PDB file of N, CA and C in Angstrom:
ATOM      1  N   MET A   1      14.853  26.072   0.989  1.00  0.00           N
ATOM      2  CA  MET A   1      14.214  27.376   0.627  1.00  0.00           C
ATOM      3  C   MET A   1      12.600  26.175   0.531  1.00  0.00           C
ATOM      4  N   LEU A   2      11.876  26.363   0.447  1.00  0.00           N
ATOM      5  CA  LEU A   2      10.562  25.616   0.332  1.00  0.00           C
ATOM      6  C   LEU A   2       9.495  26.453   0.208  1.00  0.00           C
ATOM      7  N   HIS A   3       9.184  26.402  -1.109  1.00  0.00           N
ATOM      8  CA  HIS A   3       7.765  26.999  -1.805  1.00  0.00           C
ATOM      9  C   HIS A   3       6.238  25.906  -1.422  1.00  0.00           C
ATOM     10  N   SER A   4       5.145  26.151  -1.602  1.00  0.00           N
ATOM     11  CA  SER A   4       3.908  25.390  -1.283  1.00  0.00           C
ATOM     12  C   SER A   4       2.951  26.261  -2.217  1.00  0.00           C
ATOM     13  N   GLY A   5       1.986  25.655  -3.024  1.00  0.00           N
ATOM     14  CA  GLY A   5       0.751  26.408  -3.173  1.00  0.00           C
ATOM     15  C   GLY A   5       0.164  25.130  -3.658  1.00  0.00           C
ATOM     16  N   GLN A   6      -1.770  25.068  -3.494  1.00  0.00           N
ATOM     17  CA  GLN A   6      -2.783  24.461  -3.777  1.00  0.00           C
ATOM     18  C   GLN A   6      -2.819  23.654  -5.551  1.00  0.00           C
ATOM     19  N   LEU A   7      -3.328  22.587  -5.548  1.00  0.00           N
ATOM     20  CA  LEU A   7      -2.757  22.122  -6.666  1.00  0.00           C
ATOM     21  C   LEU A   7      -4.574  22.702  -7.304  1.00  0.00           C
ATOM     22  N   LEU A   8      -5.172  23.451  -8.184  1.00  0.00           N
ATOM     23  CA  LEU A   8      -6.400  22.702  -8.817  1.00  0.00           C
ATOM     24  C   LEU A   8      -6.836  22.637 -10.037  1.00  0.00           C
ATOM     25  N   ALA A   9      -8.185  21.812  -9.254  1.00  0.00           N
ATOM     26  CA  ALA A   9      -8.530  21.809 -10.798  1.00  0.00           C
ATOM     27  C   ALA A   9      -9.440  22.719 -12.383  1.00  0.00           C
ATOM     28  N   SER A  10      -9.168  21.972 -12.752  1.00  0.00           N
ATOM     29  CA  SER A  10      -9.812  22.701 -14.330  1.00  0.00           C
ATOM     30  C   SER A  10     -11.457  23.708 -13.652  1.00  0.00           C
ATOM     31  N   ASP A  11     -11.421  23.403 -12.408  1.00  0.00           N
ATOM     32  CA  ASP A  11     -12.540  23.921 -12.319  1.00  0.00           C
ATOM     33  C   ASP A  11     -12.558  25.561 -10.776  1.00  0.00           C
ATOM     34  N   GLY A  12     -11.373  24.803 -10.740  1.00  0.00           N
ATOM     35  CA  GLY A  12     -10.651  26.019 -10.127  1.00  0.00           C
ATOM     36  C   GLY A  12     -10.539  25.603  -8.291  1.00  0.00           C
ATOM     37  N   GLY A  13     -11.096  24.337  -8.234  1.00  0.00           N
ATOM     38  CA  GLY A  13     -11.616  23.121  -7.165  1.00  0.00           C
ATOM     39  C   GLY A  13     -10.184  22.615  -6.464  1.00  0.00           C
ATOM     40  N   VAL A  14     -10.113  23.480  -5.798  1.00  0.00           N
ATOM     41  CA  VAL A  14      -7.821  22.264  -4.488  1.00  0.00           C
ATOM     42  C   VAL A  14      -8.282  20.630  -5.023  1.00  0.00           C
ATOM     43  N   ILE A  15      -7.968  20.161  -5.880  1.00  0.00           N
ATOM     44  CA  ILE A  15      -7.629  18.753  -5.456  1.00  0.00           C
ATOM     45  C   ILE A  15      -6.420  18.461  -5.064  1.00  0.00           C
ATOM     46  N   GLY A  16      -5.233  19.555  -3.945  1.00  0.00           N
ATOM     47  CA  GLY A  16      -4.140  19.163  -3.554  1.00  0.00           C
ATOM     48  C   GLY A  16      -3.212  19.832  -3.308  1.00  0.00           C
ATOM     49  N   ARG A  17      -1.653  19.752  -2.862  1.00  0.00           N
ATOM     50  CA  ARG A  17      -0.913  21.180  -2.504  1.00  0.00           C
ATOM     51  C   ARG A  17       0.677  20.712  -3.387  1.00  0.00           C
ATOM     52  N   ALA A  18       1.669  21.224  -4.051  1.00  0.00           N
ATOM     53  CA  ALA A  18       2.275  20.875  -4.076  1.00  0.00           C
ATOM     54  C   ALA A  18       4.047  21.548  -3.723  1.00  0.00           C
ATOM     55  N   TYR A  19       4.279  20.947  -4.268  1.00  0.00           N
ATOM     56  CA  TYR A  19       6.173  21.995  -2.515  1.00  0.00           C
ATOM     57  C   TYR A  19       7.248  21.584  -4.206  1.00  0.00           C
ATOM     58  N   ALA A  20       7.992  22.022  -3.736  1.00  0.00           N
ATOM     59  CA  ALA A  20       9.942  22.864  -4.168  1.00  0.00           C
ATOM     60  C   ALA A  20      10.514  23.258  -3.423  1.00  0.00           C
ATOM     61  N   TYR A  21      11.279  21.865  -3.560  1.00  0.00           N
ATOM     62  CA  TYR A  21      12.028  22.346  -2.362  1.00  0.00           C
ATOM     63  C   TYR A  21      13.558  23.153  -3.279  1.00  0.00           C
ATOM     64  N   GLY A  22      14.149  24.354  -2.820  1.00  0.00           N
ATOM     65  CA  GLY A  22      15.780  24.777  -3.713  1.00  0.00           C
ATOM     66  C   GLY A  22      16.278  24.642  -2.956  1.00  0.00           C
ATOM     67  N   GLY A  23      16.819  23.202  -2.709  1.00  0.00           N
ATOM     68  CA  GLY A  23      17.863  22.364  -1.551  1.00  0.00           C
ATOM     69  C   GLY A  23      18.639  22.559  -3.842  1.00  0.00           C
ATOM     70  N   ASN A  24      19.715  21.430  -2.826  1.00  0.00           N
ATOM     71  CA  ASN A  24      20.252  20.650  -3.665  1.00  0.00           C
ATOM     72  C   ASN A  24      21.105  19.039  -3.455  1.00  0.00           C
ATOM     73  N   PRO A  25      19.982  18.854  -4.822  1.00  0.00           N
ATOM     74  CA  PRO A  25      19.048  18.374  -5.641  1.00  0.00           C
ATOM     75  C   PRO A  25      17.925  19.183  -5.088  1.00  0.00           C
ATOM     76  N   SER A  26      17.344  20.475  -6.018  1.00  0.00           N
ATOM     77  CA  SER A  26      15.814  20.614  -6.306  1.00  0.00           C
ATOM     78  C   SER A  26      15.020  19.289  -5.718  1.00  0.00           C
ATOM     79  N   TRP A  27      13.832  19.811  -5.163  1.00  0.00           N
ATOM     80  CA  TRP A  27      12.774  18.531  -5.517  1.00  0.00           C
ATOM     81  C   TRP A  27      11.449  20.041  -6.002  1.00  0.00           C
ATOM     82  N   VAL A  28      10.108  19.286  -6.241  1.00  0.00           N
ATOM     83  CA  VAL A  28       9.161  18.702  -6.835  1.00  0.00           C
ATOM     84  C   VAL A  28       8.687  17.757  -6.048  1.00  0.00           C
ATOM     85  N   PHE A  29       7.121  18.108  -4.612  1.00  0.00           N
ATOM     86  CA  PHE A  29       6.583  17.229  -3.750  1.00  0.00           C
ATOM     87  C   PHE A  29       5.652  17.273  -4.504  1.00  0.00           C
ATOM     88  N   MET A  30       4.513  16.639  -4.639  1.00  0.00           N
ATOM     89  CA  MET A  30       3.059  16.595  -5.181  1.00  0.00           C
ATOM     90  C   MET A  30       1.752  15.168  -4.507  1.00  0.00           C
ATOM     91  N   SER A  31       0.934  16.127  -4.118  1.00  0.00           N
ATOM     92  CA  SER A  31      -0.093  15.187  -3.248  1.00  0.00           C
ATOM     93  C   SER A  31      -0.996  15.703  -3.417  1.00  0.00           C
ATOM     94  N   VAL A  32      -2.708  15.032  -3.879  1.00  0.00           N
ATOM     95  CA  VAL A  32      -3.109  14.766  -4.799  1.00  0.00           C
ATOM     96  C   VAL A  32      -4.493  14.364  -3.504  1.00  0.00           C
ATOM     97  N   ARG A  33      -5.685  15.090  -3.188  1.00  0.00           N
ATOM     98  CA  ARG A  33      -6.591  14.581  -2.426  1.00  0.00           C
ATOM     99  C   ARG A  33      -8.052  14.801  -3.049  1.00  0.00           C
ATOM    100  N   ALA A  34      -8.130  13.968  -3.391  1.00  0.00           N
ATOM    101  CA  ALA A  34      -9.985  14.576  -4.225  1.00  0.00           C
ATOM    102  C   ALA A  34     -10.789  13.710  -4.633  1.00  0.00           C
ATOM    103  N   SER A  35     -11.553  13.080  -3.813  1.00  0.00           N
ATOM    104  CA  SER A  35     -12.489  12.522  -3.420  1.00  0.00           C
ATOM    105  C   SER A  35     -13.227  12.404  -5.565  1.00  0.00           C
ATOM    106  N   GLY A  36     -12.845  10.694  -5.504  1.00  0.00           N
ATOM    107  CA  GLY A  36     -13.561  10.764  -7.220  1.00  0.00           C
ATOM    108  C   GLY A  36     -12.502   9.951  -8.453  1.00  0.00           C
ATOM    109  N   LEU A  37     -11.145  11.096  -7.712  1.00  0.00           N
ATOM    110  CA  LEU A  37     -10.515  10.980  -8.574  1.00  0.00           C
ATOM    111  C   LEU A  37      -8.990   9.479  -8.452  1.00  0.00           C
ATOM    112  N   SER A  38      -8.553   9.249 -10.025  1.00  0.00           N
ATOM    113  CA  SER A  38      -8.473   8.287 -10.402  1.00  0.00           C
ATOM    114  C   SER A  38      -7.514   7.995 -11.680  1.00  0.00           C
ATOM    115  N   GLY A  39      -5.969   7.406 -11.556  1.00  0.00           N
ATOM    116  CA  GLY A  39      -5.823   6.948 -12.679  1.00  0.00           C
ATOM    117  C   GLY A  39      -4.407   7.582 -12.923  1.00  0.00           C
ATOM    118  N   THR A  40      -3.578   7.160 -13.592  1.00  0.00           N
ATOM    119  CA  THR A  40      -1.753   8.317 -14.132  1.00  0.00           C
ATOM    120  C   THR A  40      -1.974   9.366 -14.332  1.00  0.00           C
ATOM    121  N   TYR A  41      -1.565  10.395 -13.689  1.00  0.00           N
ATOM    122  CA  TYR A  41      -1.125  12.522 -14.522  1.00  0.00           C
ATOM    123  C   TYR A  41       0.008  12.379 -14.696  1.00  0.00           C
ATOM    124  N   GLY A  42       0.250  12.436 -15.622  1.00  0.00           N
ATOM    125  CA  GLY A  42       1.629  13.445 -15.637  1.00  0.00           C
ATOM    126  C   GLY A  42       2.684  14.845 -14.618  1.00  0.00           C
ATOM    127  N   CYS A  43       3.355  14.884 -13.759  1.00  0.00           N
ATOM    128  CA  CYS A  43       3.477  15.463 -13.429  1.00  0.00           C
ATOM    129  C   CYS A  43       4.253  17.134 -13.716  1.00  0.00           C
ATOM    130  N   GLU A  44       4.598  17.637 -14.507  1.00  0.00           N
ATOM    131  CA  GLU A  44       5.043  19.351 -14.777  1.00  0.00           C
ATOM    132  C   GLU A  44       4.575  20.208 -13.998  1.00  0.00           C
ATOM    133  N   LEU A  45       6.066  20.560 -14.948  1.00  0.00           N
ATOM    134  CA  LEU A  45       6.568  22.362 -13.785  1.00  0.00           C
ATOM    135  C   LEU A  45       6.441  22.934 -14.928  1.00  0.00           C
ATOM    136  N   LEU A  46       5.426  24.868 -15.385  1.00  0.00           N
ATOM    137  CA  LEU A  46       5.734  25.553 -15.913  1.00  0.00           C
ATOM    138  C   LEU A  46       6.646  26.487 -15.505  1.00  0.00           C
ATOM    139  N   LEU A  47       8.224  26.990 -16.445  1.00  0.00           N
ATOM    140  CA  LEU A  47       9.288  27.563 -15.702  1.00  0.00           C
ATOM    141  C   LEU A  47       8.449  28.757 -15.797  1.00  0.00           C
ATOM    142  N   ALA A  48      10.071  29.612 -15.253  1.00  0.00           N
ATOM    143  CA  ALA A  48       9.771  31.356 -15.676  1.00  0.00           C
ATOM    144  C   ALA A  48       9.549  31.681 -17.006  1.00  0.00           C
ATOM    145  N   ASN A  49      10.460  31.087 -17.822  1.00  0.00           N
ATOM    146  CA  ASN A  49      10.517  31.541 -19.136  1.00  0.00           C
ATOM    147  C   ASN A  49       9.763  30.897 -20.120  1.00  0.00           C
ATOM    148  N   GLY A  50       9.222  30.391 -19.358  1.00  0.00           N
ATOM    149  CA  GLY A  50       7.738  29.392 -20.230  1.00  0.00           C
ATOM    150  C   GLY A  50       7.565  28.752 -20.574  1.00  0.00           C
ATOM    151  N   THR A  51       8.277  27.562 -21.084  1.00  0.00           N
ATOM    152  CA  THR A  51       9.123  26.754 -20.933  1.00  0.00           C
ATOM    153  C   THR A  51       8.228  25.177 -19.978  1.00  0.00           C
ATOM    154  N   THR A  52       8.096  24.233 -20.720  1.00  0.00           N
ATOM    155  CA  THR A  52       7.698  23.326 -19.206  1.00  0.00           C
ATOM    156  C   THR A  52       8.010  22.529 -19.026  1.00  0.00           C
ATOM    157  N   LEU A  53       8.092  21.118 -18.405  1.00  0.00           N
ATOM    158  CA  LEU A  53       9.538  20.616 -17.402  1.00  0.00           C
ATOM    159  C   LEU A  53       8.515  19.182 -17.148  1.00  0.00           C
ATOM    160  N   ARG A  54       8.306  17.748 -17.551  1.00  0.00           N
ATOM    161  CA  ARG A  54       7.815  16.626 -17.330  1.00  0.00           C
ATOM    162  C   ARG A  54       8.795  16.032 -16.832  1.00  0.00           C
ATOM    163  N   VAL A  55       8.784  16.303 -15.223  1.00  0.00           N
ATOM    164  CA  VAL A  55       9.014  15.470 -14.127  1.00  0.00           C
ATOM    165  C   VAL A  55       8.541  14.455 -13.724  1.00  0.00           C
ATOM    166  N   GLY A  56       7.360  13.627 -14.440  1.00  0.00           N
ATOM    167  CA  GLY A  56       7.463  12.297 -13.982  1.00  0.00           C
ATOM    168  C   GLY A  56       6.234  12.509 -13.345  1.00  0.00           C
ATOM    169  N   ALA A  57       5.118  10.788 -13.117  1.00  0.00           N
ATOM    170  CA  ALA A  57       4.067  10.699 -13.047  1.00  0.00           C
ATOM    171  C   ALA A  57       2.995  10.681 -11.836  1.00  0.00           C
ATOM    172  N   VAL A  58       2.321  10.707 -11.450  1.00  0.00           N
ATOM    173  CA  VAL A  58       1.756  10.371  -9.818  1.00  0.00           C
ATOM    174  C   VAL A  58       0.318   9.351 -10.399  1.00  0.00           C
ATOM    175  N   VAL A  59       0.223   8.483  -9.198  1.00  0.00           N
ATOM    176  CA  VAL A  59      -0.796   7.277  -9.219  1.00  0.00           C
ATOM    177  C   VAL A  59      -1.599   7.429  -8.561  1.00  0.00           C
ATOM    178  N   VAL A  60      -3.417   8.336  -9.110  1.00  0.00           N
ATOM    179  CA  VAL A  60      -3.629   8.180  -8.050  1.00  0.00           C
ATOM    180  C   VAL A  60      -5.108   6.996  -8.278  1.00  0.00           C
ATOM    181  N   HIS A  61      -4.921   6.886  -6.501  1.00  0.00           N
ATOM    182  CA  HIS A  61      -5.847   5.376  -6.018  1.00  0.00           C
ATOM    183  C   HIS A  61      -7.528   6.399  -5.035  1.00  0.00           C
ATOM    184  N   GLY A  62      -8.228   6.342  -5.533  1.00  0.00           N
ATOM    185  CA  GLY A  62      -9.166   6.728  -4.397  1.00  0.00           C
ATOM    186  C   GLY A  62      -9.707   8.355  -4.129  1.00  0.00           C
ATOM    187  N   GLY A  63      -8.868   8.625  -4.862  1.00  0.00           N
ATOM    188  CA  GLY A  63      -8.712  10.128  -4.791  1.00  0.00           C
ATOM    189  C   GLY A  63      -7.358  10.944  -4.243  1.00  0.00           C
ATOM    190  N   ALA A  64      -6.656   9.399  -4.075  1.00  0.00           N
ATOM    191  CA  ALA A  64      -5.090  10.022  -3.263  1.00  0.00           C
ATOM    192  C   ALA A  64      -4.514   9.386  -3.838  1.00  0.00           C
ATOM    193  N   GLY A  65      -3.230  10.502  -3.461  1.00  0.00           N
ATOM    194  CA  GLY A  65      -1.667   9.687  -4.468  1.00  0.00           C
ATOM    195  C   GLY A  65      -0.500  11.423  -3.560  1.00  0.00           C
ATOM    196  N   ASP A  66      -0.106  11.277  -3.763  1.00  0.00           N
ATOM    197  CA  ASP A  66       2.145  11.140  -3.502  1.00  0.00           C
ATOM    198  C   ASP A  66       2.527  11.131  -4.846  1.00  0.00           C
ATOM    199  N   PHE A  67       2.819  12.339  -4.943  1.00  0.00           N
ATOM    200  CA  PHE A  67       4.974  11.390  -5.752  1.00  0.00           C
ATOM    201  C   PHE A  67       6.011  12.951  -4.821  1.00  0.00           C
ATOM    202  N   ALA A  68       7.188  12.683  -6.408  1.00  0.00           N
ATOM    203  CA  ALA A  68       7.848  12.949  -5.399  1.00  0.00           C
ATOM    204  C   ALA A  68       8.890  12.277  -5.818  1.00  0.00           C
ATOM    205  N   HIS A  69      10.065  13.793  -6.738  1.00  0.00           N
ATOM    206  CA  HIS A  69      11.313  13.509  -7.701  1.00  0.00           C
ATOM    207  C   HIS A  69      12.180  15.294  -7.304  1.00  0.00           C
ATOM    208  N   PRO A  70      13.155  14.324  -7.710  1.00  0.00           N
ATOM    209  CA  PRO A  70      13.875  15.606  -8.138  1.00  0.00           C
ATOM    210  C   PRO A  70      13.445  16.437  -9.649  1.00  0.00           C
ATOM    211  N   ALA A  71      13.752  18.029  -8.844  1.00  0.00           N
ATOM    212  CA  ALA A  71      13.088  18.474 -10.345  1.00  0.00           C
ATOM    213  C   ALA A  71      13.571  18.772 -11.551  1.00  0.00           C
ATOM    214  N   ARG A  72      15.016  18.668 -10.996  1.00  0.00           N
ATOM    215  CA  ARG A  72      15.932  19.345 -12.479  1.00  0.00           C
ATOM    216  C   ARG A  72      16.578  20.568 -12.409  1.00  0.00           C
ATOM    217  N   VAL A  73      15.760  20.978 -11.985  1.00  0.00           N
ATOM    218  CA  VAL A  73      15.827  23.531 -12.720  1.00  0.00           C
ATOM    219  C   VAL A  73      16.089  23.205 -10.782  1.00  0.00           C
ATOM    220  N   GLY A  74      16.431  24.919 -10.745  1.00  0.00           N
ATOM    221  CA  GLY A  74      16.211  25.456  -9.303  1.00  0.00           C
ATOM    222  C   GLY A  74      14.355  26.164  -8.753  1.00  0.00           C
ATOM    223  N   ALA A  75      13.922  25.777  -7.949  1.00  0.00           N
ATOM    224  CA  ALA A  75      13.190  26.121  -6.934  1.00  0.00           C
ATOM    225  C   ALA A  75      12.348  27.346  -7.572  1.00  0.00           C
ATOM    226  N   SER A  76      13.151  28.054  -7.617  1.00  0.00           N
ATOM    227  CA  SER A  76      13.678  30.461  -7.922  1.00  0.00           C
ATOM    228  C   SER A  76      13.104  30.377  -9.653  1.00  0.00           C
ATOM    229  N   LYS A  77      12.747  28.865 -10.248  1.00  0.00           N
ATOM    230  CA  LYS A  77      12.685  29.467 -11.769  1.00  0.00           C
ATOM    231  C   LYS A  77      11.232  28.710 -12.127  1.00  0.00           C
ATOM    232  N   VAL A  78      10.735  27.749 -10.699  1.00  0.00           N
ATOM    233  CA  VAL A  78       9.080  27.217 -11.259  1.00  0.00           C
ATOM    234  C   VAL A  78       7.918  28.052 -10.747  1.00  0.00           C
ATOM    235  N   ARG A  79       7.425  27.936 -11.757  1.00  0.00           N
ATOM    236  CA  ARG A  79       5.622  29.630 -11.724  1.00  0.00           C
ATOM    237  C   ARG A  79       5.244  28.754 -11.341  1.00  0.00           C
ATOM    238  N   TYR A  80       4.579  27.334 -12.206  1.00  0.00           N
ATOM    239  CA  TYR A  80       3.133  26.325 -11.425  1.00  0.00           C
ATOM    240  C   TYR A  80       3.734  24.649 -11.645  1.00  0.00           C
ATOM    241  N   ALA A  81       3.306  24.327  -9.981  1.00  0.00           N
ATOM    242  CA  ALA A  81       2.965  22.396 -10.266  1.00  0.00           C
ATOM    243  C   ALA A  81       2.095  22.618 -11.591  1.00  0.00           C
ATOM    244  N   MET A  82       1.653  21.428 -12.148  1.00  0.00           N
ATOM    245  CA  MET A  82       0.342  21.106 -12.861  1.00  0.00           C
ATOM    246  C   MET A  82       0.846  19.169 -13.237  1.00  0.00           C
ATOM    247  N   LEU A  83      -0.899  18.869 -13.033  1.00  0.00           N
ATOM    248  CA  LEU A  83      -1.005  17.627 -13.714  1.00  0.00           C
ATOM    249  C   LEU A  83      -1.917  17.766 -14.552  1.00  0.00           C
ATOM    250  N   VAL A  84      -0.916  16.592 -15.880  1.00  0.00           N
ATOM    251  CA  VAL A  84      -1.607  16.300 -16.936  1.00  0.00           C
ATOM    252  C   VAL A  84      -1.581  15.431 -17.666  1.00  0.00           C
ATOM    253  N   THR A  85      -2.905  14.668 -18.273  1.00  0.00           N
ATOM    254  CA  THR A  85      -3.856  13.834 -18.771  1.00  0.00           C
ATOM    255  C   THR A  85      -2.947  13.838 -19.640  1.00  0.00           C
ATOM    256  N   ALA A  86      -3.005  12.931 -20.878  1.00  0.00           N
ATOM    257  CA  ALA A  86      -2.906  12.814 -22.160  1.00  0.00           C
ATOM    258  C   ALA A  86      -3.285  14.209 -22.667  1.00  0.00           C
ATOM    259  N   THR A  87      -4.779  14.213 -23.478  1.00  0.00           N
ATOM    260  CA  THR A  87      -5.546  14.950 -23.261  1.00  0.00           C
ATOM    261  C   THR A  87      -5.009  16.455 -22.347  1.00  0.00           C
ATOM    262  N   ALA A  88      -5.119  16.795 -21.661  1.00  0.00           N
ATOM    263  CA  ALA A  88      -5.989  17.848 -21.492  1.00  0.00           C
ATOM    264  C   ALA A  88      -5.356  18.263 -20.263  1.00  0.00           C
ATOM    265  N   ARG A  89      -5.079  20.312 -19.683  1.00  0.00           N
ATOM    266  CA  ARG A  89      -4.220  20.171 -18.878  1.00  0.00           C
ATOM    267  C   ARG A  89      -4.318  20.924 -18.208  1.00  0.00           C
TER     268      ARG A  89
END
């Protein structure tokens, strides 16, 4: 099973998409497409129980970056996928 949703900036603008694949193993994919965005961002999952799981980082250069990694949890337990900086979420 594949779940997907938009990655939103703090101002509500769409900056990409996130996908959670519920196979064995489960995977998370993030695709960032945001003009002017550059840097390394943490990839985190907010789980149904309220905890946050860091799954890796994505490097964004010139507004584009992609990330794929095993999720270590079932896709049904994921509520949100987030890109985070060192100082803000």
